[in-house]
């Protein structure tokens, strides 16, 4: 079935808008996530050249998802859309090719593989806006995340959407076997029910019942760079930086966790980019900038700062743990960096002239050319009482590997130190919270979020938000704070922890191979049809079916 060009454009825009409404922060995302993917499946399995429409839908959907990036780096925002749209087109190719054999499970593989590969997109990873994120405020519906992570949750939602459409087609259009489509839908519903209501085997709990850890988050309410824009005098800039640091971070910390405070917290968190200084190389390493803060003896302070790589050439964002007197104790490094904000993507792959243009554009937008390098996962940090905890440094919150590694090494709770002040509009704040909920479900471990001005909150091990500091975009007149009583997680992954990793590798490999096979088959058919003589004398292969059957 084909349609005039204006009709195709209208369908593309409408479908992208529907997918955007099924994505956080839309207030109706949870209600629309299955209907939206039903419409996507129905549209693209009943039209000619579905990959072209899918690419347009993907580009528009990705641009809507990442709208906040426009004011930061417009060509980075455009690259996310243009590259990300390719995964939607590939997903349709996989669906059309495998649907005769797998039915709705072909769409499940396509959707889960599409979002998996988009999340690890080379040089420009963008894991936001996955279908299961729409249910972040209904974590009881996300039991599949506990079993198989985002890959399984996305696959089951897509399979449900496709199975419903196929059942309707078999009843309304008689284009598919009724009993077969019934069987597919029943199988999807059974798997969803089991994953939702039957918890996976849990990690063994410790015999000694330990009390919760009291965690204080300080939210400075200032953009890390905006107050200093236009200042040319270095001394004036340094004086303003110190004044903001004392008023927004040091003073509230001393008031709530200083010597003489009744019932001080066990741990104080400052967000990412709260200090621009770095750990000084040792041995032993030191962090002289906070020495002498003089907190209650039982308090530990964890702040967003930085370290240098082994060669001392490149900056690595890090969570730095300090004693009650501000002395360096340990740190954890950021593993997943933000494109353009912490490194410039594609520089090594582009011609030198284009790379120079890209550097100049980034420097014009960001003030400099970032050259950070990713760190590695280090052992958990320790409170003064010896309770191990891990940190997810901002973008690390969007990926499962760092959280899993920390819990596997014994972390009893996780802390997200995040700078989200540069988001101005768009849906990233809610999407980052949705991913925090997913991390808590995947590891059955509580997660504390500490942000500059975003959404600071506590998520328990079952994915429920139990306490929150309402969002207040920077600049705010003063710092804000919230004290959490954090229950401890099991300090280990359950016996089914291998399943998410197995699903990731299998879904990614099958998605790539199925798409590659489809492209090779298309190329062969195109070559045969391009030869009108058809010298072999054999009949031409029939065109693959593209209709609603």
Protein backbone atom coordinates (compact mmCIF):
# COMPACT_ATOMS: atom_id res chain seq x y z
CA UNK A 1 0.00 0.00 0.00
CA UNK A 2 1.37 3.40 -0.93
CA UNK A 3 0.24 6.95 -0.27
CA UNK A 4 0.95 10.35 -1.83
CA UNK A 5 4.01 12.14 -0.43
CA UNK A 6 1.97 14.62 1.72
CA UNK A 7 0.16 11.67 3.27
CA UNK A 8 3.43 9.90 4.07
CA UNK A 9 4.82 13.04 5.67
CA UNK A 10 1.70 13.48 7.76
CA UNK A 11 1.80 9.86 8.90
CA UNK A 12 5.47 10.18 9.80
CA UNK A 13 4.92 13.31 11.89
CA UNK A 14 1.83 11.90 13.60
CA UNK A 15 3.58 8.63 14.47
CA UNK A 16 6.63 10.42 15.89
CA UNK A 17 4.35 12.63 17.98
CA UNK A 18 2.52 9.57 19.31
CA UNK A 19 5.80 7.91 20.29
CA UNK A 20 6.88 11.14 21.99
CA UNK A 21 3.64 11.17 24.01
CA UNK A 22 4.46 7.60 25.07
CA UNK A 23 7.85 8.71 26.44
CA UNK A 24 8.67 10.53 29.72
CA UNK A 25 8.04 13.28 30.71
CA UNK A 26 4.64 12.94 29.03
CA UNK A 27 2.01 12.58 31.78
CA UNK A 28 0.21 9.95 29.70
CA UNK A 29 3.30 7.94 28.73
CA UNK A 30 2.29 4.89 30.78
CA UNK A 31 -1.14 4.81 29.14
CA UNK A 32 0.15 5.25 25.60
CA UNK A 33 3.29 3.12 25.52
CA UNK A 34 1.56 -0.05 24.25
CA UNK A 35 -0.91 1.75 21.90
CA UNK A 36 1.93 3.82 20.41
CA UNK A 37 4.03 0.76 19.57
CA UNK A 38 0.90 -0.98 18.29
CA UNK A 39 0.42 1.90 15.86
CA UNK A 40 4.09 1.79 14.85
CA UNK A 41 3.91 -1.95 14.16
CA UNK A 42 0.58 -1.72 12.31
CA UNK A 43 1.71 1.17 10.15
CA UNK A 44 5.05 -0.28 9.15
CA UNK A 45 3.88 -3.82 8.43
CA UNK A 46 1.14 -2.63 6.09
CA UNK A 47 3.02 -0.20 3.86
CA UNK A 48 5.49 -0.34 1.00
CA UNK A 49 9.06 0.79 1.70
CA UNK A 50 8.48 0.78 5.47
CA UNK A 51 12.15 1.46 6.25
CA UNK A 52 11.93 4.95 4.72
CA UNK A 53 8.94 5.93 6.84
CA UNK A 54 10.57 4.34 9.90
CA UNK A 55 13.69 6.42 9.40
CA UNK A 56 11.66 9.62 9.30
CA UNK A 57 9.73 8.59 12.41
CA UNK A 58 12.96 7.72 14.21
CA UNK A 59 14.65 11.02 13.35
CA UNK A 60 11.68 13.07 14.57
CA UNK A 61 11.21 10.98 17.71
CA UNK A 62 14.89 11.28 18.63
CA UNK A 63 14.86 15.03 18.04
CA UNK A 64 11.83 15.39 20.30
CA UNK A 65 13.45 13.23 22.99
CA UNK A 66 16.67 15.26 23.04
CA UNK A 67 15.16 18.73 22.66
CA UNK A 68 17.09 20.07 25.67
CA UNK A 69 20.33 19.75 23.72
CA UNK A 70 19.37 22.40 21.14
CA UNK A 71 20.56 25.34 23.22
CA UNK A 72 23.75 23.52 24.26
CA UNK A 73 25.01 22.16 20.95
CA UNK A 74 22.57 22.25 18.07
CA UNK A 75 24.63 20.07 15.69
CA UNK A 76 25.03 17.44 18.41
CA UNK A 77 21.25 17.42 18.81
CA UNK A 78 20.85 17.07 15.05
CA UNK A 79 23.41 14.22 14.93
CA UNK A 80 21.48 12.29 17.59
CA UNK A 81 18.36 12.48 15.43
CA UNK A 82 19.98 11.66 12.09
CA UNK A 83 22.02 8.75 13.44
CA UNK A 84 19.37 7.48 15.83
CA UNK A 85 16.75 7.31 13.10
CA UNK A 86 18.80 4.63 11.39
CA UNK A 87 18.06 2.20 14.21
CA UNK A 88 14.32 2.58 13.65
CA UNK A 89 14.75 1.81 9.96
CA UNK A 90 16.91 -1.22 10.77
CA UNK A 91 14.25 -2.41 13.25
CA UNK A 92 11.61 -2.40 10.52
CA UNK A 93 13.89 -4.35 8.18
CA UNK A 94 14.35 -7.00 10.91
CA UNK A 95 10.61 -7.11 11.65
CA UNK A 96 9.57 -7.55 8.02
CA UNK A 97 12.19 -10.23 7.36
CA UNK A 98 11.58 -12.35 10.50
CA UNK A 99 7.84 -11.83 10.91
CA UNK A 100 6.79 -14.82 8.74
CA UNK A 101 8.71 -17.15 11.08
CA UNK A 102 8.54 -15.43 14.47
CA UNK A 103 5.30 -13.46 14.33
CA UNK A 104 5.15 -10.76 17.06
CA UNK A 105 8.46 -11.97 18.51
CA UNK A 106 10.19 -10.49 15.46
CA UNK A 107 8.96 -7.05 16.53
CA UNK A 108 10.06 -7.80 20.10
CA UNK A 109 13.58 -8.56 18.89
CA UNK A 110 13.60 -5.49 16.66
CA UNK A 111 12.47 -3.02 19.34
CA UNK A 112 14.72 -4.41 22.09
CA UNK A 113 17.71 -4.58 19.73
CA UNK A 114 17.05 -1.09 18.40
CA UNK A 115 17.09 0.48 21.85
CA UNK A 116 20.01 -1.64 22.99
CA UNK A 117 22.24 -0.57 20.10
CA UNK A 118 21.09 3.03 20.35
CA UNK A 119 22.12 2.99 24.02
CA UNK A 120 25.65 1.99 23.05
CA UNK A 121 25.80 3.98 19.82
CA UNK A 122 29.50 4.48 19.01
CA UNK A 123 30.75 7.94 19.94
CA UNK A 124 27.18 9.17 20.56
CA UNK A 125 25.35 6.81 22.91
CA UNK A 126 21.83 7.87 23.81
CA UNK A 127 19.94 5.42 26.07
CA UNK A 128 17.06 7.79 26.88
CA UNK A 129 13.39 7.22 26.08
CA UNK A 130 13.17 3.41 25.96
CA UNK A 131 9.64 1.93 26.03
CA UNK A 132 9.95 0.53 29.56
CA UNK A 133 10.90 3.99 30.88
CA UNK A 134 7.28 5.04 30.36
CA UNK A 135 6.35 2.91 33.40
CA UNK A 136 8.85 4.44 35.84
CA UNK A 137 6.06 5.69 38.09
CA UNK A 138 4.46 2.21 38.12
CA UNK A 139 7.48 0.06 39.09
CA UNK A 140 5.21 -2.84 40.04
CA UNK A 141 4.63 -3.27 36.29
CA UNK A 142 8.36 -3.53 35.63
CA UNK A 143 9.02 -6.97 37.08
CA UNK A 144 10.56 -7.96 33.76
CA UNK A 145 13.39 -5.49 34.50
CA UNK A 146 14.27 -7.49 37.61
CA UNK A 147 14.59 -10.63 35.47
CA UNK A 148 16.21 -9.38 32.29
CA UNK A 149 16.83 -5.63 32.49
CA UNK A 150 15.68 -3.10 29.92
CA UNK A 151 16.16 -5.54 27.04
CA UNK A 152 13.54 -7.98 28.33
CA UNK A 153 11.12 -5.25 29.42
CA UNK A 154 11.27 -3.54 26.01
CA UNK A 155 10.89 -6.88 24.20
CA UNK A 156 7.77 -7.90 26.15
CA UNK A 157 6.08 -4.52 25.65
CA UNK A 158 6.80 -4.70 21.90
CA UNK A 159 5.64 -8.33 21.69
CA UNK A 160 2.38 -7.40 23.44
CA UNK A 161 1.79 -4.52 21.01
CA UNK A 162 2.46 -6.71 17.94
CA UNK A 163 0.41 -9.65 19.23
CA UNK A 164 -2.65 -7.43 19.79
CA UNK A 165 -2.38 -6.00 16.27
CA UNK A 166 -1.97 -9.46 14.74
CA UNK A 167 -5.00 -10.77 16.65
CA UNK A 168 -7.10 -7.85 15.43
CA UNK A 169 -5.96 -8.45 11.85
CA UNK A 170 -6.81 -12.15 12.06
CA UNK A 171 -10.31 -11.33 13.31
CA UNK A 172 -11.09 -8.21 11.31
CA UNK A 173 -9.22 -8.85 8.07
CA UNK A 174 -8.82 -12.63 8.14
CA UNK A 175 -5.24 -12.07 6.97
CA UNK A 176 -3.60 -14.22 9.66
CA UNK A 177 -4.52 -17.58 11.26
CA UNK A 178 -6.84 -16.90 14.19
CA UNK A 179 -5.58 -19.71 16.42
CA UNK A 180 -1.95 -18.84 15.81
CA UNK A 181 -2.41 -15.19 16.75
CA UNK A 182 -4.39 -16.24 19.83
CA UNK A 183 -1.53 -18.48 20.87
CA UNK A 184 1.02 -15.70 20.42
CA UNK A 185 -0.99 -13.26 22.53
CA UNK A 186 -1.57 -15.81 25.29
CA UNK A 187 2.14 -16.64 25.38
CA UNK A 188 3.07 -12.95 25.69
CA UNK A 189 0.50 -12.39 28.46
CA UNK A 190 1.76 -15.45 30.33
CA UNK A 191 5.37 -14.28 30.16
CA UNK A 192 4.37 -10.78 31.27
CA UNK A 193 2.39 -12.16 34.20
CA UNK A 194 5.24 -14.38 35.35
CA UNK A 195 7.83 -11.62 35.03
CA UNK A 196 5.59 -9.08 36.79
CA UNK A 197 4.32 -11.11 39.73
CA UNK A 198 7.02 -13.76 40.28
CA UNK A 199 10.22 -12.19 41.64
CA UNK A 200 13.55 -13.66 40.56
CA UNK A 201 15.70 -15.45 43.16
CA UNK A 202 17.27 -12.82 45.39
CA UNK A 203 20.81 -12.50 46.62
CA UNK A 204 21.38 -14.01 50.04
CA UNK A 205 20.71 -11.48 52.78
CA UNK A 206 23.21 -10.94 55.55
CA UNK A 207 22.37 -12.53 58.87
CA UNK A 208 22.92 -9.33 60.88
CA UNK A 209 20.18 -6.74 60.44
CA UNK A 210 21.99 -3.43 59.94
CA UNK A 211 20.29 -0.07 60.52
CA UNK A 212 19.65 2.29 57.57
CA UNK A 213 22.31 4.78 56.54
CA UNK A 214 21.37 8.43 56.96
CA UNK A 215 22.33 10.34 53.82
CA UNK A 216 22.18 14.13 53.45
CA UNK A 217 22.05 15.56 49.90
CA UNK A 218 22.96 19.19 49.33
CA UNK A 219 21.50 20.81 46.22
CA UNK A 220 23.36 24.09 45.51
CA UNK A 221 20.77 25.42 43.07
CA UNK A 222 23.34 27.10 40.81
CA UNK A 223 24.48 26.31 37.30
CA UNK A 224 28.20 25.38 37.51
CA UNK A 225 29.24 27.93 34.85
CA UNK A 226 26.45 30.50 34.33
CA UNK A 227 27.40 32.75 37.32
CA UNK A 228 30.88 33.23 35.87
CA UNK A 229 30.02 34.01 32.26
CA UNK A 230 31.42 37.34 31.10
CA UNK A 231 33.95 37.62 33.95
CA UNK A 232 37.39 38.33 32.52
CA UNK A 233 39.29 39.00 35.72
CA UNK A 234 40.61 35.71 37.15
CA UNK A 235 40.76 36.99 40.72
CA UNK A 236 37.16 38.21 40.56
CA UNK A 237 36.06 34.85 39.17
CA UNK A 238 37.96 32.99 41.90
CA UNK A 239 36.45 35.15 44.62
CA UNK A 240 32.92 34.59 43.33
CA UNK A 241 33.54 30.84 43.04
CA UNK A 242 34.74 30.64 46.65
CA UNK A 243 31.81 32.72 47.89
CA UNK A 244 29.31 30.44 46.13
CA UNK A 245 31.10 27.33 47.40
CA UNK A 246 30.99 28.54 51.00
CA UNK A 247 27.37 29.73 50.86
CA UNK A 248 25.89 26.91 48.77
CA UNK A 249 27.82 23.85 49.94
CA UNK A 250 30.13 24.37 52.91
CA UNK A 251 27.79 26.37 55.16
CA UNK A 252 24.72 24.08 54.90
CA UNK A 253 26.99 21.04 55.35
CA UNK A 254 28.45 22.46 58.56
CA UNK A 255 25.03 23.45 59.86
CA UNK A 256 23.58 19.98 59.31
CA UNK A 257 26.61 17.71 59.79
CA UNK A 258 29.18 19.77 61.71
CA UNK A 259 30.71 19.16 65.13
CA UNK A 260 28.09 19.42 67.86
CA UNK A 261 25.11 18.65 65.60
CA UNK A 262 22.63 16.28 67.22
CA UNK A 263 22.26 13.04 65.20
CA UNK A 264 24.45 14.00 62.20
CA UNK A 265 24.07 12.06 58.95
CA UNK A 266 26.41 9.21 58.09
CA UNK A 267 27.11 10.51 54.59
CA UNK A 268 26.87 13.94 52.92
CA UNK A 269 26.63 14.16 49.12
CA UNK A 270 27.57 17.09 46.89
CA UNK A 271 26.57 16.75 43.21
CA UNK A 272 28.70 16.44 40.11
CA UNK A 273 30.58 19.64 39.19
CA UNK A 274 30.21 20.97 42.74
CA UNK A 275 34.00 21.51 42.77
CA UNK A 276 36.25 22.12 39.78
CA UNK A 277 39.42 20.98 41.60
CA UNK A 278 41.10 17.62 41.17
CA UNK A 279 42.64 15.04 43.47
CA UNK A 280 46.36 15.75 43.74
CA UNK A 281 48.55 12.77 42.83
CA UNK A 282 50.30 10.91 45.64
CA UNK A 283 51.52 8.92 47.22
CA UNK A 284 49.37 9.39 49.12
CA UNK A 285 46.78 11.24 47.01
CA UNK A 286 45.31 14.36 48.58
CA UNK A 287 42.47 16.80 48.13
CA UNK A 288 43.62 19.95 49.96
CA UNK A 289 40.69 22.14 48.96
CA UNK A 290 38.32 20.79 51.63
CA UNK A 291 40.77 20.08 54.43
CA UNK A 292 39.72 21.57 57.74
CA UNK A 293 35.96 21.55 57.18
CA UNK A 294 35.59 19.88 60.61
CA UNK A 295 32.41 17.80 60.48
CA UNK A 296 31.09 15.40 63.10
CA UNK A 297 33.53 12.46 63.47
CA UNK A 298 31.03 9.89 62.14
CA UNK A 299 30.40 11.81 58.89
CA UNK A 300 31.85 11.09 55.48
CA UNK A 301 31.61 13.60 52.61
CA UNK A 302 31.32 12.45 48.97
CA UNK A 303 31.65 15.19 46.35
CA UNK A 304 31.65 15.53 42.57
CA UNK A 305 35.18 16.58 41.56
CA UNK A 306 37.89 15.05 39.37
CA UNK A 307 41.14 13.12 39.07
CA UNK A 308 43.84 12.70 36.43
CA UNK A 309 44.52 9.58 34.39
CA UNK A 310 47.64 7.49 35.00
CA UNK A 311 49.68 9.61 32.59
CA UNK A 312 48.48 12.83 34.21
CA UNK A 313 47.33 14.27 30.88
CA UNK A 314 43.55 13.97 30.91
CA UNK A 315 40.81 14.84 33.37
CA UNK A 316 38.44 12.16 34.68
CA UNK A 317 35.25 13.22 36.50
CA UNK A 318 35.10 11.40 39.83
CA UNK A 319 33.24 11.03 43.11
CA UNK A 320 35.77 11.83 45.86
CA UNK A 321 35.26 10.52 49.40
CA UNK A 322 36.57 12.73 52.23
CA UNK A 323 36.88 12.28 55.97
CA UNK A 324 35.18 14.48 58.58
CA UNK A 325 38.24 16.76 58.41
CA UNK A 326 38.12 16.93 54.60
CA UNK A 327 41.06 14.59 53.95
CA UNK A 328 41.08 12.38 50.86
CA UNK A 329 40.07 8.77 51.51
CA UNK A 330 39.13 7.23 48.15
CA UNK A 331 37.39 7.96 44.87
CA UNK A 332 35.35 6.37 42.07
CA UNK A 333 35.69 7.36 38.44
CA UNK A 334 33.09 8.20 35.83
CA UNK A 335 32.87 5.44 33.22
CA UNK A 336 30.39 6.85 30.66
CA UNK A 337 31.16 10.36 29.44
CA UNK A 338 28.76 12.87 27.88
CA UNK A 339 29.45 13.67 24.24
CA UNK A 340 30.45 17.33 23.66
CA UNK A 341 30.20 18.09 27.39
CA UNK A 342 33.19 15.92 28.36
CA UNK A 343 34.69 14.81 25.05
CA UNK A 344 34.24 15.65 21.38
CA UNK A 345 32.88 12.67 19.41
CA UNK A 346 34.03 11.51 15.97
CA UNK A 347 37.25 13.57 15.96
CA UNK A 348 39.40 10.56 15.09
CA UNK A 349 37.00 9.46 12.35
CA UNK A 350 36.57 12.76 10.50
CA UNK A 351 38.79 14.59 7.98
CA UNK A 352 41.01 17.12 9.70
CA UNK A 353 39.14 20.11 8.25
CA UNK A 354 35.81 18.80 9.50
CA UNK A 355 37.33 17.92 12.88
CA UNK A 356 38.67 21.47 13.23
CA UNK A 357 35.23 22.87 12.40
CA UNK A 358 33.69 20.57 15.03
CA UNK A 359 36.23 21.65 17.67
CA UNK A 360 35.54 25.29 16.93
CA UNK A 361 31.79 24.77 17.21
CA UNK A 362 32.13 22.99 20.54
CA UNK A 363 34.48 25.66 21.88
CA UNK A 364 32.08 28.41 20.82
CA UNK A 365 29.14 26.70 22.51
CA UNK A 366 30.85 25.28 25.63
CA UNK A 367 33.67 27.76 26.22
CA UNK A 368 36.44 25.20 25.67
CA UNK A 369 37.15 21.87 24.00
CA UNK A 370 36.59 19.10 26.57
CA UNK A 371 39.19 16.35 26.69
CA UNK A 372 38.09 14.10 29.55
CA UNK A 373 38.69 10.37 29.33
CA UNK A 374 36.52 7.59 30.78
CA UNK A 375 37.57 5.98 34.04
CA UNK A 376 37.14 2.43 35.27
CA UNK A 377 35.01 0.77 37.91
CA UNK A 378 36.73 0.85 41.31
CA UNK A 379 35.77 -0.93 44.55
CA UNK A 380 32.89 0.52 46.59
CA UNK A 381 33.49 3.40 48.98
CA UNK A 382 32.89 3.03 52.73
CA UNK A 383 31.00 5.04 55.30
CA UNK A 384 32.70 5.65 58.65
CA UNK A 385 30.83 2.60 60.01
CA UNK A 386 32.16 0.47 57.16
CA UNK A 387 29.01 0.21 55.00
CA UNK A 388 30.05 -0.12 51.33
CA UNK A 389 28.30 2.05 48.73
CA UNK A 390 28.80 2.84 45.06
CA UNK A 391 28.48 6.01 43.01
CA UNK A 392 26.97 6.50 39.56
CA UNK A 393 28.54 9.67 38.28
CA UNK A 394 25.78 11.44 36.31
CA UNK A 395 25.61 9.66 32.89
CA UNK A 396 26.68 6.37 34.54
CA UNK A 397 23.12 6.32 35.88
CA UNK A 398 21.87 5.68 32.32
CA UNK A 399 23.71 2.36 31.89
CA UNK A 400 23.37 -0.92 33.79
CA UNK A 401 27.03 -2.00 33.89
CA UNK A 402 28.37 0.40 36.54
CA UNK A 403 25.50 -0.21 38.99
CA UNK A 404 25.77 -3.98 38.53
CA UNK A 405 29.54 -3.94 39.03
CA UNK A 406 29.26 -1.90 42.23
CA UNK A 407 26.58 -4.12 43.75
CA UNK A 408 28.44 -7.24 42.67
CA UNK A 409 31.43 -5.95 44.66
CA UNK A 410 29.30 -5.49 47.78
CA UNK A 411 27.70 -2.02 47.55
CA UNK A 412 24.67 -1.85 49.88
CA UNK A 413 23.28 1.32 48.27
CA UNK A 414 24.09 3.55 45.28
CA UNK A 415 24.46 7.31 44.97
CA UNK A 416 23.94 9.32 41.77
CA UNK A 417 25.97 12.55 41.71
CA UNK A 418 24.57 14.52 38.80
CA UNK A 419 24.78 17.95 37.19
CA UNK A 420 21.54 18.53 35.32
CA UNK A 421 21.46 22.34 35.44
CA UNK A 422 22.26 22.62 31.73
CA UNK A 423 18.91 20.99 30.78
CA UNK A 424 16.53 23.78 29.89
CA UNK A 425 13.27 22.29 28.70
CA UNK A 426 12.83 18.83 27.26
CA UNK A 427 12.37 15.54 29.02
CA UNK A 428 15.83 14.51 30.21
CA UNK A 429 15.16 15.15 33.92
CA UNK A 430 12.29 12.67 34.08
CA UNK A 431 14.11 10.27 31.78
CA UNK A 432 17.14 10.26 34.10
CA UNK A 433 14.87 9.54 37.06
CA UNK A 434 13.24 6.75 35.06
CA UNK A 435 16.68 5.23 34.51
CA UNK A 436 17.42 5.52 38.24
CA UNK A 437 14.27 3.49 38.90
CA UNK A 438 15.50 0.89 36.38
CA UNK A 439 18.93 0.70 38.08
CA UNK A 440 17.26 0.10 41.47
CA UNK A 441 15.08 -2.67 40.02
CA UNK A 442 17.96 -4.35 38.17
CA UNK A 443 20.09 -4.58 41.31
CA UNK A 444 17.37 -4.68 44.05
CA UNK A 445 19.40 -1.90 45.66
CA UNK A 446 18.30 1.58 46.89
CA UNK A 447 19.58 4.56 44.91
CA UNK A 448 19.99 8.14 46.18
CA UNK A 449 20.04 10.96 43.62
CA UNK A 450 21.90 14.19 44.41
CA UNK A 451 21.67 16.87 41.70
CA UNK A 452 22.61 20.51 41.20
CA UNK A 453 19.00 21.54 40.61
CA UNK A 454 17.27 18.52 39.08
CA UNK A 455 15.33 15.83 40.91
CA UNK A 456 17.07 14.77 44.12
CA UNK A 457 15.29 11.75 45.57
CA UNK A 458 15.47 8.26 47.07
CA UNK A 459 14.42 5.12 45.19
CA UNK A 460 14.12 1.93 47.22
CA UNK A 461 15.18 -1.53 46.03
CA UNK A 462 11.74 -2.20 44.52
CA UNK A 463 11.85 0.92 42.34
CA UNK A 464 9.50 3.09 44.44
CA UNK A 465 10.34 6.75 45.01
CA UNK A 466 10.02 7.15 48.78
CA UNK A 467 11.29 10.72 49.26
CA UNK A 468 11.97 13.59 46.89
CA UNK A 469 13.05 17.20 46.73
CA UNK A 470 10.77 18.97 44.22
CA UNK A 471 12.50 20.21 41.09
CA UNK A 472 13.65 23.84 41.26
CA UNK A 473 15.61 24.95 38.17
CA UNK A 474 18.73 27.05 38.71
CA UNK A 475 19.34 29.70 39.74
CA UNK A 476 17.77 29.44 43.20
CA UNK A 477 18.19 32.06 45.95
CA UNK A 478 19.85 29.54 48.29
CA UNK A 479 20.86 25.91 48.60
CA UNK A 480 18.34 23.20 49.43
CA UNK A 481 18.83 19.91 51.23
CA UNK A 482 17.08 16.67 52.08
CA UNK A 483 17.95 13.93 54.59
CA UNK A 484 17.22 10.33 53.59
CA UNK A 485 17.14 7.22 55.75
CA UNK A 486 18.42 4.68 53.23
CA UNK A 487 17.69 0.98 53.83
CA UNK A 488 20.50 -1.35 52.84
CA UNK A 489 20.38 -3.62 49.83
CA UNK A 490 21.64 -7.21 49.75
CA UNK A 491 25.19 -6.28 48.74
CA UNK A 492 25.22 -8.73 45.85
CA UNK A 493 23.40 -9.78 42.69
CA UNK A 494 20.93 -12.67 42.62
CA UNK A 495 21.57 -16.06 41.03
CA UNK A 496 19.78 -14.95 37.84
CA UNK A 497 22.16 -12.03 37.31
CA UNK A 498 23.57 -13.74 34.20
CA UNK A 499 20.23 -13.47 32.36
CA UNK A 500 20.32 -9.72 31.52
CA UNK A 501 23.84 -10.06 30.12
CA UNK A 502 22.86 -13.08 28.05
CA UNK A 503 19.84 -11.24 26.67
CA UNK A 504 21.95 -8.20 25.83
CA UNK A 505 24.46 -10.20 23.79
CA UNK A 506 21.84 -12.35 22.09
CA UNK A 507 19.47 -9.49 21.27
CA UNK A 508 22.29 -7.33 19.91
CA UNK A 509 23.81 -10.11 17.79
CA UNK A 510 20.46 -11.34 16.41
CA UNK A 511 19.36 -7.80 15.63
CA UNK A 512 22.54 -7.08 13.66
CA UNK A 513 22.62 -10.44 11.86
CA UNK A 514 18.93 -10.39 10.91
CA UNK A 515 19.25 -6.89 9.48
CA UNK A 516 22.42 -7.78 7.60
CA UNK A 517 20.77 -10.88 6.12
CA UNK A 518 17.81 -8.79 4.99
CA UNK A 519 20.06 -6.26 3.28
CA UNK A 520 22.02 -9.00 1.49
CA UNK A 521 18.81 -10.64 0.29
CA UNK A 522 17.46 -7.32 -0.92
CA UNK A 523 20.71 -6.66 -2.83
CA UNK A 524 20.51 -10.05 -4.54
CA UNK A 525 16.88 -9.54 -5.57
CA UNK A 526 17.67 -6.06 -6.82
CA UNK A 527 20.57 -7.38 -8.93
CA UNK A 528 18.39 -10.08 -10.51
CA UNK A 529 15.55 -7.70 -11.27
CA UNK A 530 17.92 -5.14 -12.74
CA UNK A 531 18.80 -7.64 -15.48
CA UNK A 532 15.81 -7.79 -17.88
CA UNK A 533 17.39 -10.61 -19.90
CA UNK A 534 17.45 -12.88 -16.82
CA UNK A 535 19.96 -15.09 -18.61
CA UNK A 536 19.39 -18.14 -16.45
CA UNK A 537 15.92 -18.56 -17.91
CA UNK A 538 14.48 -19.11 -14.44
CA UNK A 539 11.46 -17.09 -13.35
CA UNK A 540 12.17 -13.97 -11.35
CA UNK A 541 11.82 -14.30 -7.56
CA UNK A 542 8.54 -13.07 -6.19
CA UNK A 543 8.59 -9.80 -4.32
CA UNK A 544 8.45 -10.17 -0.51
CA UNK A 545 4.98 -9.60 0.90
CA UNK A 546 4.51 -6.17 2.44
CA UNK A 547 0.82 -6.12 3.10
CA UNK A 548 -1.09 -6.59 6.33
CA UNK A 549 -0.95 -10.40 6.14
